[in-house]
Amino acid sequence: MGRYYTDQERYEFCRKYRLSKKTISEFANENGINRHTFGDWLNAYGNIDGKFINIKDTCENENEIVKTKDV
């Protein structure tokens, strides 16, 4: 079984990928993530309240994540 990544970690990988200008395969290989799994994360990144990434609030500055209260 592979490593579990938190929602925040998934979000950060997607954000870093968008800034990297690398291919999905290159970025996933460099970070030890399965290419298909990473593709799923990227698809979910477009839908922040999606199944894979559930971050309720983000800052106006996309380089910073706002911590949400436990619901």
C-alpha atoms as a PDB file:
ATOM      1  CA  MET A   1       0.000   0.000   0.000  1.00  0.00           C
ATOM      2  CA  GLY A   2       1.253   3.471  -0.881  1.00  0.00           C
ATOM      3  CA  ARG A   3       1.730   6.513   1.281  1.00  0.00           C
ATOM      4  CA  TYR A   4      -1.335   8.536   2.289  1.00  0.00           C
ATOM      5  CA  TYR A   5      -1.206  12.246   1.470  1.00  0.00           C
ATOM      6  CA  THR A   6      -3.301  14.800   3.339  1.00  0.00           C
ATOM      7  CA  ASP A   7      -5.566  17.206   1.461  1.00  0.00           C
ATOM      8  CA  GLN A   8      -3.100  20.010   2.100  1.00  0.00           C
ATOM      9  CA  GLU A   9      -0.195  17.948   0.729  1.00  0.00           C
ATOM     10  CA  ARG A  10      -2.184  17.112  -2.409  1.00  0.00           C
ATOM     11  CA  TYR A  11      -3.068  20.778  -2.867  1.00  0.00           C
ATOM     12  CA  GLU A  12       0.584  21.820  -2.462  1.00  0.00           C
ATOM     13  CA  PHE A  13       1.776  19.227  -5.009  1.00  0.00           C
ATOM     14  CA  CYS A  14      -0.819  20.480  -7.511  1.00  0.00           C
ATOM     15  CA  ARG A  15       0.148  24.107  -6.911  1.00  0.00           C
ATOM     16  CA  LYS A  16       3.866  23.342  -7.274  1.00  0.00           C
ATOM     17  CA  TYR A  17       3.193  21.371 -10.452  1.00  0.00           C
ATOM     18  CA  ARG A  18       1.310  24.317 -12.015  1.00  0.00           C
ATOM     19  CA  LEU A  19       4.290  26.570 -11.283  1.00  0.00           C
ATOM     20  CA  SER A  20       6.902  24.032 -12.450  1.00  0.00           C
ATOM     21  CA  LYS A  21       5.992  23.895 -16.174  1.00  0.00           C
ATOM     22  CA  LYS A  22       6.999  20.213 -16.180  1.00  0.00           C
ATOM     23  CA  THR A  23       5.002  17.353 -17.629  1.00  0.00           C
ATOM     24  CA  ILE A  24       2.774  15.360 -15.294  1.00  0.00           C
ATOM     25  CA  SER A  25       5.079  12.352 -15.671  1.00  0.00           C
ATOM     26  CA  GLU A  26       8.229  14.348 -14.902  1.00  0.00           C
ATOM     27  CA  PHE A  27       6.758  16.004 -11.826  1.00  0.00           C
ATOM     28  CA  ALA A  28       5.178  12.801 -10.503  1.00  0.00           C
ATOM     29  CA  ASN A  29       8.402  10.802 -10.961  1.00  0.00           C
ATOM     30  CA  GLU A  30      10.513  13.487  -9.254  1.00  0.00           C
ATOM     31  CA  ASN A  31       8.159  13.469  -6.266  1.00  0.00           C
ATOM     32  CA  GLY A  32       7.583   9.711  -6.020  1.00  0.00           C
ATOM     33  CA  ILE A  33       3.885   9.903  -6.885  1.00  0.00           C
ATOM     34  CA  ASN A  34       2.082   7.538  -9.251  1.00  0.00           C
ATOM     35  CA  ARG A  35       1.388   9.408 -12.500  1.00  0.00           C
ATOM     36  CA  HIS A  36      -2.259   8.312 -12.667  1.00  0.00           C
ATOM     37  CA  THR A  37      -2.885   9.210  -9.037  1.00  0.00           C
ATOM     38  CA  PHE A  38      -1.338  12.616  -9.589  1.00  0.00           C
ATOM     39  CA  GLY A  39      -3.530  13.120 -12.651  1.00  0.00           C
ATOM     40  CA  ASP A  40      -6.566  12.481 -10.435  1.00  0.00           C
ATOM     41  CA  TRP A  41      -5.328  15.103  -7.982  1.00  0.00           C
ATOM     42  CA  LEU A  42      -4.922  17.629 -10.789  1.00  0.00           C
ATOM     43  CA  ASN A  43      -8.452  16.972 -11.997  1.00  0.00           C
ATOM     44  CA  ALA A  44      -9.721  17.487  -8.460  1.00  0.00           C
ATOM     45  CA  TYR A  45      -7.603  20.652  -8.095  1.00  0.00           C
ATOM     46  CA  GLY A  46      -9.975  22.385 -10.500  1.00  0.00           C
ATOM     47  CA  ASN A  47     -12.812  21.476  -8.118  1.00  0.00           C
ATOM     48  CA  ILE A  48     -11.393  22.456  -4.725  1.00  0.00           C
ATOM     49  CA  ASP A  49     -14.355  20.935  -2.842  1.00  0.00           C
ATOM     50  CA  GLY A  50     -13.926  17.697  -4.773  1.00  0.00           C
ATOM     51  CA  LYS A  51     -13.469  14.142  -3.616  1.00  0.00           C
ATOM     52  CA  PHE A  52      -9.654  14.192  -3.533  1.00  0.00           C
ATOM     53  CA  ILE A  53      -8.975  17.699  -2.248  1.00  0.00           C
ATOM     54  CA  ASN A  54     -11.200  19.241   0.376  1.00  0.00           C
ATOM     55  CA  ILE A  55      -9.871  22.632   1.372  1.00  0.00           C
ATOM     56  CA  LYS A  56     -12.619  24.970   2.461  1.00  0.00           C
ATOM     57  CA  ASP A  57     -10.779  28.283   2.378  1.00  0.00           C
ATOM     58  CA  THR A  58      -7.824  29.535   0.390  1.00  0.00           C
ATOM     59  CA  CYS A  59      -6.111  32.882   0.583  1.00  0.00           C
ATOM     60  CA  GLU A  60      -6.179  35.447  -2.164  1.00  0.00           C
ATOM     61  CA  ASN A  61      -2.480  34.692  -2.397  1.00  0.00           C
ATOM     62  CA  GLU A  62      -2.449  31.157  -3.785  1.00  0.00           C
ATOM     63  CA  ASN A  63       0.949  30.468  -2.200  1.00  0.00           C
ATOM     64  CA  GLU A  64      -0.625  30.375   1.267  1.00  0.00           C
ATOM     65  CA  ILE A  65      -3.328  28.113   2.697  1.00  0.00           C
ATOM     66  CA  VAL A  66      -5.719  29.294   5.368  1.00  0.00           C
ATOM     67  CA  LYS A  67      -6.230  26.758   8.122  1.00  0.00           C
ATOM     68  CA  THR A  68      -9.897  26.023   8.671  1.00  0.00           C
ATOM     69  CA  LYS A  69     -11.545  25.247  11.995  1.00  0.00           C
ATOM     70  CA  ASP A  70     -12.383  21.639  12.730  1.00  0.00           C
ATOM     71  CA  VAL A  71     -16.027  21.196  11.825  1.00  0.00           C
END
